[in-house]
PDB file of N, CA and C in Angstrom:
ATOM      1  N   MET A   1      52.471-113.278 -71.431  1.00  0.00           N
ATOM      2  CA  MET A   1      53.075-112.004 -71.111  1.00  0.00           C
ATOM      3  C   MET A   1      53.692-112.039 -69.712  1.00  0.00           C
ATOM      4  N   LEU A   2      52.975-112.648 -68.771  1.00  0.00           N
ATOM      5  CA  LEU A   2      53.486-112.754 -67.405  1.00  0.00           C
ATOM      6  C   LEU A   2      54.761-113.593 -67.380  1.00  0.00           C
ATOM      7  N   ARG A   3      54.771-114.632 -68.179  1.00  0.00           N
ATOM      8  CA  ARG A   3      55.949-115.502 -68.224  1.00  0.00           C
ATOM      9  C   ARG A   3      57.172-114.730 -68.715  1.00  0.00           C
ATOM     10  N   TYR A   4      56.996-113.932 -69.768  1.00  0.00           N
ATOM     11  CA  TYR A   4      58.109-113.130 -70.294  1.00  0.00           C
ATOM     12  C   TYR A   4      58.600-112.144 -69.236  1.00  0.00           C
ATOM     13  N   THR A   5      57.664-111.498 -68.552  1.00  0.00           N
ATOM     14  CA  THR A   5      58.031-110.518 -67.534  1.00  0.00           C
ATOM     15  C   THR A   5      58.815-111.182 -66.404  1.00  0.00           C
ATOM     16  N   LEU A   6      58.355-112.340 -65.970  1.00  0.00           N
ATOM     17  CA  LEU A   6      59.061-113.045 -64.902  1.00  0.00           C
ATOM     18  C   LEU A   6      60.448-113.509 -65.355  1.00  0.00           C
ATOM     19  N   MET A   7      60.548-113.953 -66.595  1.00  0.00           N
ATOM     20  CA  MET A   7      61.852-114.362 -67.120  1.00  0.00           C
ATOM     21  C   MET A   7      62.792-113.165 -67.209  1.00  0.00           C
ATOM     22  N   ARG A   8      62.247-112.032 -67.620  1.00  0.00           N
ATOM     23  CA  ARG A   8      63.056-110.816 -67.715  1.00  0.00           C
ATOM     24  C   ARG A   8      63.542-110.380 -66.331  1.00  0.00           C
ATOM     25  N   LEU A   9      62.651-110.453 -65.339  1.00  0.00           N
ATOM     26  CA  LEU A   9      63.050-110.137 -63.969  1.00  0.00           C
ATOM     27  C   LEU A   9      64.107-111.111 -63.463  1.00  0.00           C
ATOM     28  N   GLY A  10      64.001-112.370 -63.857  1.00  0.00           N
ATOM     29  CA  GLY A  10      65.001-113.356 -63.472  1.00  0.00           C
ATOM     30  C   GLY A  10      66.379-113.045 -64.044  1.00  0.00           C
ATOM     31  N   VAL A  11      66.410-112.632 -65.297  1.00  0.00           N
ATOM     32  CA  VAL A  11      67.685-112.255 -65.919  1.00  0.00           C
ATOM     33  C   VAL A  11      68.270-111.043 -65.193  1.00  0.00           C
ATOM     34  N   PHE A  12      67.409-110.068 -64.882  1.00  0.00           N
ATOM     35  CA  PHE A  12      67.884-108.883 -64.158  1.00  0.00           C
ATOM     36  C   PHE A  12      68.410-109.266 -62.776  1.00  0.00           C
ATOM     37  N   ALA A  13      67.683-110.132 -62.055  1.00  0.00           N
ATOM     38  CA  ALA A  13      68.116-110.535 -60.716  1.00  0.00           C
ATOM     39  C   ALA A  13      69.465-111.253 -60.780  1.00  0.00           C
ATOM     40  N   GLY A  14      69.642-112.108 -61.775  1.00  0.00           N
ATOM     41  CA  GLY A  14      70.929-112.779 -61.940  1.00  0.00           C
ATOM     42  C   GLY A  14      72.051-111.795 -62.200  1.00  0.00           C
ATOM     43  N   CYS A  15      71.792-110.827 -63.072  1.00  0.00           N
ATOM     44  CA  CYS A  15      72.802-109.803 -63.353  1.00  0.00           C
ATOM     45  C   CYS A  15      73.082-108.959 -62.120  1.00  0.00           C
ATOM     46  N   LEU A  16      72.054-108.683 -61.339  1.00  0.00           N
ATOM     47  CA  LEU A  16      72.221-107.893 -60.114  1.00  0.00           C
ATOM     48  C   LEU A  16      73.130-108.619 -59.121  1.00  0.00           C
ATOM     49  N   VAL A  17      72.939-109.918 -58.985  1.00  0.00           N
ATOM     50  CA  VAL A  17      73.783-110.708 -58.080  1.00  0.00           C
ATOM     51  C   VAL A  17      75.231-110.713 -58.565  1.00  0.00           C
ATOM     52  N   VAL A  18      75.418-110.931 -59.867  1.00  0.00           N
ATOM     53  CA  VAL A  18      76.774-110.978 -60.426  1.00  0.00           C
ATOM     54  C   VAL A  18      77.460-109.619 -60.292  1.00  0.00           C
ATOM     55  N   VAL A  19      76.751-108.543 -60.644  1.00  0.00           N
ATOM     56  CA  VAL A  19      77.348-107.204 -60.560  1.00  0.00           C
ATOM     57  C   VAL A  19      77.665-106.857 -59.110  1.00  0.00           C
ATOM     58  N   SER A  20      76.760-107.202 -58.194  1.00  0.00           N
ATOM     59  CA  SER A  20      77.030-106.933 -56.771  1.00  0.00           C
ATOM     60  C   SER A  20      78.303-107.646 -56.327  1.00  0.00           C
ATOM     61  N   GLY A  21      78.433-108.888 -56.707  1.00  0.00           N
ATOM     62  CA  GLY A  21      79.635-109.638 -56.357  1.00  0.00           C
ATOM     63  C   GLY A  21      80.895-109.011 -56.946  1.00  0.00           C
ATOM     64  N   LEU A  22      80.801-108.577 -58.199  1.00  0.00           N
ATOM     65  CA  LEU A  22      81.968-107.955 -58.838  1.00  0.00           C
ATOM     66  C   LEU A  22      82.339-106.625 -58.189  1.00  0.00           C
ATOM     67  N   VAL A  23      81.343-105.836 -57.832  1.00  0.00           N
ATOM     68  CA  VAL A  23      81.616-104.531 -57.212  1.00  0.00           C
ATOM     69  C   VAL A  23      82.199-104.712 -55.815  1.00  0.00           C
ATOM     70  N   TYR A  24      81.590-105.585 -55.031  1.00  0.00           N
ATOM     71  CA  TYR A  24      82.073-105.749 -53.664  1.00  0.00           C
ATOM     72  C   TYR A  24      83.401-106.494 -53.593  1.00  0.00           C
ATOM     73  N   SER A  25      83.748-107.264 -54.624  1.00  0.00           N
ATOM     74  CA  SER A  25      85.063-107.915 -54.633  1.00  0.00           C
ATOM     75  C   SER A  25      86.134-106.988 -55.200  1.00  0.00           C
ATOM     76  N   GLY A  26      85.716-105.863 -55.788  1.00  0.00           N
ATOM     77  CA  GLY A  26      86.685-104.899 -56.301  1.00  0.00           C
ATOM     78  C   GLY A  26      87.009-105.084 -57.767  1.00  0.00           C
ATOM     79  N   LEU A  27      86.384-106.052 -58.432  1.00  0.00           N
ATOM     80  CA  LEU A  27      86.665-106.280 -59.847  1.00  0.00           C
ATOM     81  C   LEU A  27      85.948-105.269 -60.746  1.00  0.00           C
ATOM     82  N   ALA A  28      84.867-104.692 -60.269  1.00  0.00           N
ATOM     83  CA  ALA A  28      84.151-103.645 -60.997  1.00  0.00           C
ATOM     84  C   ALA A  28      84.214-102.382 -60.146  1.00  0.00           C
ATOM     85  N   PRO A  29      84.223-101.219 -60.778  1.00  0.00           N
ATOM     86  CA  PRO A  29      84.355 -99.975 -60.001  1.00  0.00           C
ATOM     87  C   PRO A  29      83.145 -99.722 -59.102  1.00  0.00           C
ATOM     88  N   ARG A  30      83.421 -99.152 -57.939  1.00  0.00           N
ATOM     89  CA  ARG A  30      82.338 -98.752 -57.040  1.00  0.00           C
ATOM     90  C   ARG A  30      81.791 -97.419 -57.530  1.00  0.00           C
ATOM     91  N   GLY A  31      80.592 -97.073 -57.114  1.00  0.00           N
ATOM     92  CA  GLY A  31      79.992 -95.795 -57.506  1.00  0.00           C
ATOM     93  C   GLY A  31      80.709 -94.636 -56.849  1.00  0.00           C
ATOM     94  N   LEU A  32      80.232 -93.443 -57.072  1.00  0.00           N
ATOM     95  CA  LEU A  32      80.795 -92.255 -56.452  1.00  0.00           C
ATOM     96  C   LEU A  32      80.125 -92.007 -55.115  1.00  0.00           C
ATOM     97  N   GLY A  33      80.865 -91.961 -54.069  1.00  0.00           N
ATOM     98  CA  GLY A  33      80.318 -91.654 -52.753  1.00  0.00           C
ATOM     99  C   GLY A  33      79.277 -92.665 -52.301  1.00  0.00           C
ATOM    100  N   ASP A  34      78.068 -92.161 -52.024  1.00  0.00           N
ATOM    101  CA  ASP A  34      76.990 -93.012 -51.522  1.00  0.00           C
ATOM    102  C   ASP A  34      76.139 -93.616 -52.634  1.00  0.00           C
ATOM    103  N   SER A  35      76.544 -93.500 -53.863  1.00  0.00           N
ATOM    104  CA  SER A  35      75.733 -93.972 -54.992  1.00  0.00           C
ATOM    105  C   SER A  35      75.997 -95.432 -55.343  1.00  0.00           C
ATOM    106  N   ASN A  36      76.605 -96.179 -54.469  1.00  0.00           N
ATOM    107  CA  ASN A  36      76.994 -97.549 -54.779  1.00  0.00           C
ATOM    108  C   ASN A  36      75.784 -98.417 -55.139  1.00  0.00           C
ATOM    109  N   GLY A  37      74.695 -98.331 -54.368  1.00  0.00           N
ATOM    110  CA  GLY A  37      73.500 -99.140 -54.664  1.00  0.00           C
ATOM    111  C   GLY A  37      72.893 -98.799 -56.006  1.00  0.00           C
ATOM    112  N   LEU A  38      72.782 -97.506 -56.273  1.00  0.00           N
ATOM    113  CA  LEU A  38      72.235 -97.061 -57.562  1.00  0.00           C
ATOM    114  C   LEU A  38      73.154 -97.499 -58.706  1.00  0.00           C
ATOM    115  N   TRP A  39      74.443 -97.413 -58.492  1.00  0.00           N
ATOM    116  CA  TRP A  39      75.409 -97.821 -59.507  1.00  0.00           C
ATOM    117  C   TRP A  39      75.249 -99.310 -59.844  1.00  0.00           C
ATOM    118  N   ILE A  40      75.070-100.116 -58.833  1.00  0.00           N
ATOM    119  CA  ILE A  40      74.924-101.565 -59.041  1.00  0.00           C
ATOM    120  C   ILE A  40      73.646-101.850 -59.825  1.00  0.00           C
ATOM    121  N   ILE A  41      72.541-101.185 -59.461  1.00  0.00           N
ATOM    122  CA  ILE A  41      71.268-101.395 -60.164  1.00  0.00           C
ATOM    123  C   ILE A  41      71.365-100.952 -61.615  1.00  0.00           C
ATOM    124  N   LEU A  42      71.947 -99.784 -61.859  1.00  0.00           N
ATOM    125  CA  LEU A  42      72.071 -99.291 -63.236  1.00  0.00           C
ATOM    126  C   LEU A  42      72.979-100.191 -64.072  1.00  0.00           C
ATOM    127  N   LEU A  43      74.047-100.642 -63.496  1.00  0.00           N
ATOM    128  CA  LEU A  43      74.955-101.535 -64.222  1.00  0.00           C
ATOM    129  C   LEU A  43      74.278-102.870 -64.529  1.00  0.00           C
ATOM    130  N   ALA A  44      73.501-103.384 -63.578  1.00  0.00           N
ATOM    131  CA  ALA A  44      72.770-104.629 -63.803  1.00  0.00           C
ATOM    132  C   ALA A  44      71.718-104.451 -64.903  1.00  0.00           C
ATOM    133  N   LEU A  45      71.026-103.301 -64.919  1.00  0.00           N
ATOM    134  CA  LEU A  45      70.062-103.024 -65.989  1.00  0.00           C
ATOM    135  C   LEU A  45      70.748-102.956 -67.346  1.00  0.00           C
ATOM    136  N   LEU A  46      71.885-102.294 -67.376  1.00  0.00           N
ATOM    137  CA  LEU A  46      72.624-102.143 -68.623  1.00  0.00           C
ATOM    138  C   LEU A  46      73.094-103.497 -69.164  1.00  0.00           C
ATOM    139  N   ILE A  47      73.486-104.384 -68.295  1.00  0.00           N
ATOM    140  CA  ILE A  47      73.963-105.702 -68.723  1.00  0.00           C
ATOM    141  C   ILE A  47      72.796-106.634 -69.057  1.00  0.00           C
ATOM    142  N   SER A  48      71.706-106.558 -68.282  1.00  0.00           N
ATOM    143  CA  SER A  48      70.596-107.497 -68.481  1.00  0.00           C
ATOM    144  C   SER A  48      69.783-107.200 -69.741  1.00  0.00           C
ATOM    145  N   ALA A  49      69.750-105.947 -70.190  1.00  0.00           N
ATOM    146  CA  ALA A  49      68.944-105.601 -71.375  1.00  0.00           C
ATOM    147  C   ALA A  49      69.368-106.364 -72.626  1.00  0.00           C
ATOM    148  N   PRO A  50      70.645-106.319 -73.024  1.00  0.00           N
ATOM    149  CA  PRO A  50      71.010-107.081 -74.238  1.00  0.00           C
ATOM    150  C   PRO A  50      70.924-108.593 -74.042  1.00  0.00           C
ATOM    151  N   ILE A  51      71.178-109.064 -72.813  1.00  0.00           N
ATOM    152  CA  ILE A  51      71.058-110.496 -72.565  1.00  0.00           C
ATOM    153  C   ILE A  51      69.606-110.932 -72.758  1.00  0.00           C
ATOM    154  N   SER A  52      68.672-110.168 -72.193  1.00  0.00           N
ATOM    155  CA  SER A  52      67.248-110.479 -72.351  1.00  0.00           C
ATOM    156  C   SER A  52      66.827-110.401 -73.807  1.00  0.00           C
ATOM    157  N   PHE A  53      67.343-109.419 -74.519  1.00  0.00           N
ATOM    158  CA  PHE A  53      66.986-109.249 -75.925  1.00  0.00           C
ATOM    159  C   PHE A  53      67.349-110.482 -76.740  1.00  0.00           C
ATOM    160  N   VAL A  54      68.500-111.053 -76.470  1.00  0.00           N
ATOM    161  CA  VAL A  54      68.972-112.216 -77.231  1.00  0.00           C
ATOM    162  C   VAL A  54      68.366-113.516 -76.702  1.00  0.00           C
ATOM    163  N   VAL A  55      68.425-113.715 -75.396  1.00  0.00           N
ATOM    164  CA  VAL A  55      68.033-114.989 -74.799  1.00  0.00           C
ATOM    165  C   VAL A  55      66.512-115.193 -74.816  1.00  0.00           C
ATOM    166  N   LEU A  56      65.748-114.134 -74.636  1.00  0.00           N
ATOM    167  CA  LEU A  56      64.291-114.256 -74.520  1.00  0.00           C
ATOM    168  C   LEU A  56      63.555-113.915 -75.812  1.00  0.00           C
ATOM    169  N   ARG A  57      64.227-114.011 -76.935  1.00  0.00           N
ATOM    170  CA  ARG A  57      63.613-113.647 -78.215  1.00  0.00           C
ATOM    171  C   ARG A  57      62.343-114.439 -78.503  1.00  0.00           C
ATOM    172  N   LYS A  58      62.391-115.756 -78.353  1.00  0.00           N
ATOM    173  CA  LYS A  58      61.211-116.587 -78.656  1.00  0.00           C
ATOM    174  C   LYS A  58      60.051-116.265 -77.722  1.00  0.00           C
ATOM    175  N   GLU A  59      60.353-116.074 -76.464  1.00  0.00           N
ATOM    176  CA  GLU A  59      59.296-115.757 -75.492  1.00  0.00           C
ATOM    177  C   GLU A  59      58.697-114.378 -75.772  1.00  0.00           C
ATOM    178  N   ARG A  60      59.531-113.436 -76.173  1.00  0.00           N
ATOM    179  CA  ARG A  60      59.045-112.084 -76.518  1.00  0.00           C
ATOM    180  C   ARG A  60      58.146-112.147 -77.748  1.00  0.00           C
ATOM    181  N   ASP A  61      58.505-112.959 -78.726  1.00  0.00           N
ATOM    182  CA  ASP A  61      57.670-113.113 -79.918  1.00  0.00           C
ATOM    183  C   ASP A  61      56.327-113.733 -79.559  1.00  0.00           C
ATOM    184  N   ARG A  62      56.339-114.716 -78.656  1.00  0.00           N
ATOM    185  CA  ARG A  62      55.092-115.348 -78.206  1.00  0.00           C
ATOM    186  C   ARG A  62      54.190-114.333 -77.498  1.00  0.00           C
ATOM    187  N   ALA A  63      54.782-113.528 -76.632  1.00  0.00           N
ATOM    188  CA  ALA A  63      54.013-112.511 -75.915  1.00  0.00           C
ATOM    189  C   ALA A  63      53.462-111.476 -76.888  1.00  0.00           C
ATOM    190  N   SER A  64      54.251-111.131 -77.893  1.00  0.00           N
ATOM    191  CA  SER A  64      53.807-110.166 -78.902  1.00  0.00           C
ATOM    192  C   SER A  64      52.618-110.702 -79.686  1.00  0.00           C
ATOM    193  N   GLU A  65      52.654-111.983 -80.033  1.00  0.00           N
ATOM    194  CA  GLU A  65      51.527-112.592 -80.755  1.00  0.00           C
ATOM    195  C   GLU A  65      50.257-112.569 -79.907  1.00  0.00           C
ATOM    196  N   GLN A  66      50.396-112.806 -78.602  1.00  0.00           N
ATOM    197  CA  GLN A  66      49.237-112.748 -77.715  1.00  0.00           C
ATOM    198  C   GLN A  66      48.643-111.349 -77.679  1.00  0.00           C
ATOM    199  N   ILE A  67      49.505-110.355 -77.605  1.00  0.00           N
ATOM    200  CA  ILE A  67      49.032-108.970 -77.553  1.00  0.00           C
ATOM    201  C   ILE A  67      48.346-108.597 -78.852  1.00  0.00           C
ATOM    202  N   VAL A  68      48.933-108.977 -79.978  1.00  0.00           N
ATOM    203  CA  VAL A  68      48.329-108.675 -81.281  1.00  0.00           C
ATOM    204  C   VAL A  68      46.959-109.336 -81.395  1.00  0.00           C
ATOM    205  N   GLY A  69      46.844-110.571 -80.936  1.00  0.00           N
ATOM    206  CA  GLY A  69      45.558-111.270 -80.967  1.00  0.00           C
ATOM    207  C   GLY A  69      44.504-110.552 -80.143  1.00  0.00           C
ATOM    208  N   LYS A  70      44.886-110.096 -78.963  1.00  0.00           N
ATOM    209  CA  LYS A  70      43.944-109.369 -78.105  1.00  0.00           C
ATOM    210  C   LYS A  70      43.522-108.052 -78.752  1.00  0.00           C
ATOM    211  N   VAL A  71      44.456-107.352 -79.341  1.00  0.00           N
ATOM    212  CA  VAL A  71      44.138-106.072 -79.994  1.00  0.00           C
ATOM    213  C   VAL A  71      43.194-106.302 -81.168  1.00  0.00           C
ATOM    214  N   GLU A  72      43.423-107.343 -81.938  1.00  0.00           N
ATOM    215  CA  GLU A  72      42.547-107.649 -83.074  1.00  0.00           C
ATOM    216  C   GLU A  72      41.135-107.973 -82.609  1.00  0.00           C
ATOM    217  N   ARG A  73      41.020-108.735 -81.510  1.00  0.00           N
ATOM    218  CA  ARG A  73      39.687-109.056 -80.983  1.00  0.00           C
ATOM    219  C   ARG A  73      38.972-107.800 -80.502  1.00  0.00           C
ATOM    220  N   VAL A  74      39.686-106.912 -79.835  1.00  0.00           N
ATOM    221  CA  VAL A  74      39.072-105.663 -79.365  1.00  0.00           C
ATOM    222  C   VAL A  74      38.629-104.813 -80.550  1.00  0.00           C
ATOM    223  N   LYS A  75      39.459-104.738 -81.581  1.00  0.00           N
ATOM    224  CA  LYS A  75      39.085-103.975 -82.781  1.00  0.00           C
ATOM    225  C   LYS A  75      37.843-104.561 -83.432  1.00  0.00           C
ATOM    226  N   ALA A  76      37.780-105.888 -83.518  1.00  0.00           N
ATOM    227  CA  ALA A  76      36.620-106.544 -84.127  1.00  0.00           C
ATOM    228  C   ALA A  76      35.362-106.275 -83.301  1.00  0.00           C
ATOM    229  N   ASN A  77      35.477-106.328 -81.981  1.00  0.00           N
ATOM    230  CA  ASN A  77      34.325-106.035 -81.119  1.00  0.00           C
ATOM    231  C   ASN A  77      33.874-104.593 -81.269  1.00  0.00           C
ATOM    232  N   LEU A  78      34.819-103.666 -81.337  1.00  0.00           N
ATOM    233  CA  LEU A  78      34.463-102.260 -81.518  1.00  0.00           C
ATOM    234  C   LEU A  78      33.764-102.040 -82.856  1.00  0.00           C
ATOM    235  N   GLU A  79      34.261-102.677 -83.891  1.00  0.00           N
ATOM    236  CA  GLU A  79      33.642-102.532 -85.212  1.00  0.00           C
ATOM    237  C   GLU A  79      32.243-103.137 -85.226  1.00  0.00           C
ATOM    238  N   ALA A  80      32.072-104.265 -84.557  1.00  0.00           N
ATOM    239  CA  ALA A  80      30.743-104.883 -84.481  1.00  0.00           C
ATOM    240  C   ALA A  80      29.775-103.981 -83.728  1.00  0.00           C
ATOM    241  N   ASN A  81      30.235-103.399 -82.633  1.00  0.00           N
ATOM    242  CA  ASN A  81      29.389-102.475 -81.879  1.00  0.00           C
ATOM    243  C   ASN A  81      29.045-101.238 -82.704  1.00  0.00           C
ATOM    244  N   ARG A  82      30.027-100.732 -83.430  1.00  0.00           N
ATOM    245  CA  ARG A  82      29.802 -99.547 -84.257  1.00  0.00           C
ATOM    246  C   ARG A  82      28.779 -99.838 -85.357  1.00  0.00           C
ATOM    247  N   SER A  83      28.868-101.014 -85.982  1.00  0.00           N
ATOM    248  CA  SER A  83      27.918-101.343 -87.049  1.00  0.00           C
ATOM    249  C   SER A  83      26.519-101.564 -86.478  1.00  0.00           C
ATOM    250  N   GLN A  84      26.427-102.108 -85.256  1.00  0.00           N
ATOM    251  CA  GLN A  84      25.113-102.258 -84.621  1.00  0.00           C
ATOM    252  C   GLN A  84      24.503-100.890 -84.319  1.00  0.00           C
ATOM    253  N   GLU A  85      25.326 -99.967 -83.842  1.00  0.00           N
ATOM    254  CA  GLU A  85      24.834 -98.620 -83.555  1.00  0.00           C
ATOM    255  C   GLU A  85      24.387 -97.925 -84.836  1.00  0.00           C
ATOM    256  N   ASP A  86      25.151 -98.101 -85.912  1.00  0.00           N
ATOM    257  CA  ASP A  86      24.776 -97.495 -87.195  1.00  0.00           C
ATOM    258  C   ASP A  86      23.458 -98.064 -87.700  1.00  0.00           C
ATOM    259  N   ALA A  87      23.285 -99.374 -87.568  1.00  0.00           N
ATOM    260  CA  ALA A  87      22.042-100.004 -88.020  1.00  0.00           C
ATOM    261  C   ALA A  87      20.861 -99.521 -87.187  1.00  0.00           C
ATOM    262  N   ALA A  88      21.050 -99.407 -85.877  1.00  0.00           N
ATOM    263  CA  ALA A  88      19.968 -98.922 -85.015  1.00  0.00           C
ATOM    264  C   ALA A  88      19.649 -97.466 -85.332  1.00  0.00           C
ATOM    265  N   ASP A  89      20.670 -96.670 -85.581  1.00  0.00           N
ATOM    266  CA  ASP A  89      20.461 -95.257 -85.931  1.00  0.00           C
ATOM    267  C   ASP A  89      19.726 -95.132 -87.255  1.00  0.00           C
ATOM    268  N   ASP A  90      20.103 -95.944 -88.230  1.00  0.00           N
ATOM    269  CA  ASP A  90      19.417 -95.922 -89.531  1.00  0.00           C
ATOM    270  C   ASP A  90      17.953 -96.332 -89.380  1.00  0.00           C
ATOM    271  N   THR A  91      17.688 -97.325 -88.541  1.00  0.00           N
ATOM    272  CA  THR A  91      16.317 -97.775 -88.307  1.00  0.00           C
ATOM    273  C   THR A  91      15.474 -96.656 -87.697  1.00  0.00           C
ATOM    274  N   VAL A  92      16.029 -95.971 -86.721  1.00  0.00           N
ATOM    275  CA  VAL A  92      15.306 -94.875 -86.075  1.00  0.00           C
ATOM    276  C   VAL A  92      15.053 -93.745 -87.065  1.00  0.00           C
ATOM    277  N   ARG A  93      16.037 -93.440 -87.891  1.00  0.00           N
ATOM    278  CA  ARG A  93      15.865 -92.357 -88.872  1.00  0.00           C
ATOM    279  C   ARG A  93      14.795 -92.694 -89.907  1.00  0.00           C
ATOM    280  N   THR A  94      14.799 -93.944 -90.388  1.00  0.00           N
ATOM    281  CA  THR A  94      13.797 -94.311 -91.392  1.00  0.00           C
ATOM    282  C   THR A  94      12.404 -94.338 -90.774  1.00  0.00           C
ATOM    283  N   GLN A  95      12.284 -94.744 -89.531  1.00  0.00           N
ATOM    284  CA  GLN A  95      10.990 -94.731 -88.865  1.00  0.00           C
ATOM    285  C   GLN A  95      10.518 -93.306 -88.645  1.00  0.00           C
ATOM    286  N   GLY A  96      11.447 -92.411 -88.307  1.00  0.00           N
ATOM    287  CA  GLY A  96      11.091 -91.008 -88.111  1.00  0.00           C
ATOM    288  C   GLY A  96      10.661 -90.348 -89.407  1.00  0.00           C
ATOM    289  N   GLN A  97      11.273 -90.725 -90.533  1.00  0.00           N
ATOM    290  CA  GLN A  97      10.914 -90.134 -91.820  1.00  0.00           C
ATOM    291  C   GLN A  97       9.568 -90.646 -92.285  1.00  0.00           C
ATOM    292  N   THR A  98       9.238 -91.907 -92.018  1.00  0.00           N
ATOM    293  CA  THR A  98       7.938 -92.431 -92.451  1.00  0.00           C
ATOM    294  C   THR A  98       6.812 -91.869 -91.602  1.00  0.00           C
ATOM    295  N   GLN A  99       7.071 -91.532 -90.352  1.00  0.00           N
ATOM    296  CA  GLN A  99       6.039 -90.967 -89.502  1.00  0.00           C
ATOM    297  C   GLN A  99       5.764 -89.511 -89.841  1.00  0.00           C
ATOM    298  N   THR A 100       6.778 -88.749 -90.277  1.00  0.00           N
ATOM    299  CA  THR A 100       6.599 -87.347 -90.620  1.00  0.00           C
ATOM    300  C   THR A 100       6.029 -87.183 -92.013  1.00  0.00           C
ATOM    301  N   SER A 101       6.063 -88.208 -92.829  1.00  0.00           N
ATOM    302  CA  SER A 101       5.553 -88.112 -94.200  1.00  0.00           C
ATOM    303  C   SER A 101       4.084 -88.285 -94.293  1.00  0.00           C
TER     304      SER A 101
END
């Protein structure tokens, strides 16, 4: 997951450098008034999103598999804990019924 995040940040940083160069050279429009920095960041985000979607597909799938595996393990642990609690509760109830009888 960390690897995917770092790769995604790398794609964004590359787009940020390219967009900054294009804006300051006059090939891309400058923002309105003092919004030039925000304009460059938003434009870089807009360009980097589809690039990341296509280029980092395999890495995103790998990260997704890791997350699914972790979620499955947590679910299995929760179910195991729940069944242990149910068994302990049943034991206490049966002991309480035999003592009151």
